[in-house]
Every structure is written in structure tokens, then in C-alpha cells.
N, C-alpha and C. Protein backbone atom coordinates (compact mmCIF):
# COMPACT_ATOMS: atom_id res chain seq x y z
N UNK A 1 -2.42 6.76 -7.20
CA UNK A 1 -3.24 6.58 -6.75
C UNK A 1 -2.49 7.30 -5.15
N UNK A 2 -3.04 7.30 -4.35
CA UNK A 2 -2.92 8.39 -2.44
C UNK A 2 -3.14 6.21 -2.06
N UNK A 3 -2.34 6.57 -0.64
CA UNK A 3 -2.22 5.11 0.03
C UNK A 3 -2.21 6.17 1.66
N UNK A 4 -2.50 4.98 2.48
CA UNK A 4 -2.60 4.89 3.86
C UNK A 4 -1.11 4.17 3.80
N UNK A 5 -0.31 3.67 3.45
CA UNK A 5 0.17 2.80 3.74
C UNK A 5 0.83 2.52 4.72
N UNK A 6 2.06 4.08 5.16
CA UNK A 6 3.39 4.62 5.50
C UNK A 6 2.22 4.60 7.07
N UNK A 7 1.34 5.45 7.40
CA UNK A 7 0.12 5.52 8.18
C UNK A 7 0.15 4.45 8.96
N UNK A 8 -0.33 3.56 8.50
CA UNK A 8 -0.86 2.17 8.63
C UNK A 8 0.41 1.49 9.34
N UNK A 9 1.55 0.96 8.24
CA UNK A 9 2.56 0.57 8.87
C UNK A 9 3.32 1.23 10.37
N UNK A 10 3.46 2.88 10.04
CA UNK A 10 4.25 3.08 11.76
C UNK A 10 2.77 2.73 12.68
N UNK A 11 1.24 3.18 12.79
CA UNK A 11 0.81 3.02 14.00
C UNK A 11 1.14 1.49 14.32
N UNK A 12 1.05 0.65 13.44
CA UNK A 12 1.25 -0.42 14.32
C UNK A 12 2.59 -1.40 14.97
N UNK A 13 3.95 -0.19 13.70
CA UNK A 13 5.44 -0.19 14.97
C UNK A 13 5.63 -1.33 13.94
N UNK A 14 5.79 -1.04 12.48
CA UNK A 14 6.01 -2.11 11.68
C UNK A 14 7.21 -1.85 10.57
N UNK A 15 8.44 -2.03 10.40
CA UNK A 15 9.37 -1.32 9.87
C UNK A 15 9.45 -1.93 8.18
N UNK A 16 9.58 -0.64 7.24
CA UNK A 16 9.25 -1.43 6.15
C UNK A 16 10.40 -2.99 5.22
N UNK A 17 11.06 -2.54 5.92
CA UNK A 17 12.00 -4.25 5.73
C UNK A 17 10.73 -5.28 5.97
N UNK A 18 10.12 -5.48 7.44
CA UNK A 18 9.28 -6.40 7.79
C UNK A 18 8.24 -6.70 7.15
N UNK A 19 7.37 -5.31 6.33
CA UNK A 19 6.40 -5.49 6.26
C UNK A 19 6.74 -5.80 4.71
N UNK A 20 7.59 -5.28 3.91
CA UNK A 20 7.75 -6.35 2.44
C UNK A 20 8.37 -7.50 2.76
N UNK A 21 9.30 -7.94 3.88
CA UNK A 21 9.29 -9.64 3.90
C UNK A 21 7.79 -10.54 3.93
N UNK A 22 7.25 -10.00 4.61
CA UNK A 22 5.62 -10.82 5.01
C UNK A 22 4.96 -10.57 3.65
N UNK A 23 5.01 -9.84 3.05
CA UNK A 23 4.78 -9.34 1.32
C UNK A 23 5.34 -10.49 0.14
N UNK A 24 6.19 -10.49 0.45
CA UNK A 24 7.68 -11.21 0.45
C UNK A 24 7.90 -10.23 -1.44
N UNK A 25 7.92 -9.03 -1.06
CA UNK A 25 8.15 -7.96 -2.08
C UNK A 25 9.63 -7.25 -1.13
N UNK A 26 10.37 -6.31 -2.33
CA UNK A 26 11.70 -5.85 -1.60
C UNK A 26 11.09 -4.44 -0.72
N UNK A 27 12.48 -4.34 -0.07
CA UNK A 27 11.62 -2.56 0.59
C UNK A 27 11.72 -1.71 -0.04
N UNK A 28 12.55 -1.54 -1.16
CA UNK A 28 12.26 -0.24 -2.24
C UNK A 28 11.09 -0.06 -2.42
N UNK A 29 10.05 -1.51 -2.51
CA UNK A 29 8.33 -1.44 -3.66
C UNK A 29 7.99 -1.29 -2.48
N UNK A 30 7.84 -0.97 -1.42
CA UNK A 30 7.28 -0.75 0.07
C UNK A 30 7.69 1.14 -0.40
N UNK A 31 8.55 1.23 -0.33
CA UNK A 31 8.65 2.39 0.57
C UNK A 31 8.12 3.58 -1.13
N UNK A 32 8.46 2.80 -2.20
CA UNK A 32 7.75 3.32 -3.31
C UNK A 32 6.54 3.48 -3.32
N UNK A 33 5.24 2.59 -2.78
CA UNK A 33 3.96 2.60 -2.97
C UNK A 33 3.84 3.36 -1.71
N UNK A 34 4.34 3.93 -0.76
CA UNK A 34 3.92 4.55 -0.08
C UNK A 34 4.56 6.48 -0.13
N UNK A 35 5.10 6.76 -1.17
CA UNK A 35 5.04 7.77 -2.09
C UNK A 35 4.85 8.12 -3.03
N UNK A 36 3.84 7.22 -3.46
CA UNK A 36 3.07 7.47 -4.31
C UNK A 36 4.21 6.79 -6.07
N UNK A 37 5.15 6.72 -6.06
CA UNK A 37 5.99 6.32 -7.00
C UNK A 37 5.37 5.30 -7.95
N UNK A 38 4.94 4.24 -7.24
CA UNK A 38 4.51 3.26 -7.82
C UNK A 38 3.20 2.54 -7.25
N UNK A 39 2.56 2.29 -7.87
CA UNK A 39 0.87 1.49 -7.71
C UNK A 39 1.22 0.16 -7.61
N UNK A 40 0.53 -0.59 -6.62
CA UNK A 40 1.03 -1.97 -7.08
C UNK A 40 -0.38 -2.70 -7.76
N UNK A 41 -0.01 -3.76 -8.28
CA UNK A 41 -0.98 -4.81 -8.60
C UNK A 41 -1.83 -5.12 -8.00
N UNK A 42 -3.08 -5.83 -8.39
CA UNK A 42 -3.99 -5.88 -7.93
C UNK A 42 -3.66 -6.83 -7.09
N UNK A 43 -3.12 -7.79 -6.85
CA UNK A 43 -3.13 -8.84 -5.82
C UNK A 43 -1.80 -8.30 -4.94
N UNK A 44 -0.72 -7.74 -5.29
CA UNK A 44 0.30 -6.76 -4.42
C UNK A 44 -1.07 -5.69 -3.78
N UNK A 45 -1.35 -5.03 -3.82
CA UNK A 45 -2.65 -4.61 -2.94
C UNK A 45 -3.78 -5.08 -2.21
N UNK A 46 -4.03 -6.18 -2.44
CA UNK A 46 -5.33 -7.28 -1.63
C UNK A 46 -4.11 -7.81 -0.71
N UNK A 47 -2.81 -8.80 -1.08
CA UNK A 47 -2.31 -8.91 0.32
C UNK A 47 -2.17 -7.43 1.17
N UNK A 48 -1.29 -6.19 0.96
CA UNK A 48 -1.73 -5.53 1.86
C UNK A 48 -2.61 -5.36 2.90
N UNK A 49 -3.63 -5.10 1.97
CA UNK A 49 -5.08 -4.92 2.41
C UNK A 49 -5.23 -5.95 3.59
N UNK A 50 -5.49 -7.06 3.47
CA UNK A 50 -6.01 -8.43 4.07
C UNK A 50 -4.49 -8.67 5.06
N UNK A 51 -3.25 -7.87 5.01
CA UNK A 51 -2.09 -7.72 6.25
C UNK A 51 -2.90 -7.33 7.42
N UNK A 52 -2.95 -5.61 7.22
CA UNK A 52 -3.99 -5.00 8.02
C UNK A 52 -5.04 -5.06 8.18
N UNK A 53 -5.64 -6.39 7.69
CA UNK A 53 -7.51 -6.91 8.00
C UNK A 53 -8.28 -5.61 7.74
N UNK A 54 -7.96 -4.73 6.60
CA UNK A 54 -8.56 -4.07 5.79
C UNK A 54 -9.24 -4.20 4.45
N UNK A 55 -10.03 -3.12 4.01
CA UNK A 55 -10.54 -4.02 2.29
C UNK A 55 -9.10 -2.92 1.10
N UNK A 56 -9.03 -3.43 0.49
CA UNK A 56 -8.26 -2.48 -0.55
C UNK A 56 -9.46 -0.67 -0.66
N UNK A 57 -9.90 -0.54 -0.12
CA UNK A 57 -10.27 0.98 -0.83
C UNK A 57 -10.21 1.68 0.81
N UNK A 58 -9.74 0.75 1.51
CA UNK A 58 -9.62 1.73 3.05
C UNK A 58 -7.73 1.64 3.20
N UNK A 59 -7.15 0.83 2.53
CA UNK A 59 -5.76 1.50 2.41
C UNK A 59 -5.52 2.35 0.90
N UNK A 60 -5.86 2.45 -0.09
CA UNK A 60 -5.35 3.09 -1.34
C UNK A 60 -6.87 3.77 -1.27
N UNK A 61 -6.83 5.26 -2.17
CA UNK A 61 -8.35 6.00 -2.36
C UNK A 61 -7.77 6.34 -3.70
N UNK A 62 -8.59 6.07 -4.44
CA UNK A 62 -8.67 6.83 -5.99
C UNK A 62 -9.56 7.50 -5.56
N UNK A 63 -8.81 8.77 -6.39
CA UNK A 63 -9.59 10.15 -6.86
C UNK A 63 -9.36 9.91 -8.25
N UNK A 64 -10.45 10.19 -8.65
CA UNK A 64 -11.13 9.90 -10.15
C UNK A 64 -10.83 11.74 -11.08
N UNK A 65 -10.09 12.18 -11.77
CA UNK A 65 -10.11 13.00 -12.41
C UNK A 65 -10.79 12.70 -13.52
N UNK A 66 -11.10 14.12 -14.27
CA UNK A 66 -11.89 14.64 -15.61
C UNK A 66 -11.46 13.54 -16.77
N UNK A 67 -10.11 13.04 -16.57
CA UNK A 67 -10.07 12.95 -18.01
C UNK A 67 -10.26 11.67 -17.81
N UNK A 68 -10.04 10.58 -16.19
CA UNK A 68 -10.70 9.60 -16.28
C UNK A 68 -12.04 8.89 -16.38
N UNK A 69 -12.84 9.96 -16.64
CA UNK A 69 -14.35 9.63 -17.33
C UNK A 69 -14.80 8.69 -18.35
């Protein structure tokens, strides 16, 4: 699943460490989400979206593939 986390974080001048602390996760978790190596739980996705004042759909981009129909 693609996301705009790095873009949003940089727009607001927030370091990975700061965001991780605010969301109570590790900096490595933030980096892994940004790089697409890890999809967050629905709870963490909600916390991320709320942190930026956005909806989950505005932060995370779900791209349906033929196998997922």
C-alpha cells in the first residue's frame, strides 16, 4: 500500500523521531511505513491520519490489483 507519510511529514518539518514519539512507535516503524516495507495496523493508520488532520484515505493509497477482486 502506498502512502504520503514522508511527504506530509517533510511538509510540516517533522523528523521521523518526533512523529514516532507522538504516535508511540519506533523511528524504524515510521521509516518502514514510509518506504512501503510495513503496512500499519488500522489503529496506527488512524492515529497517523488524525495527527495530520486528514482521513486515512488521504494518507494511504490503496491500489486494487486483479488478484484482490
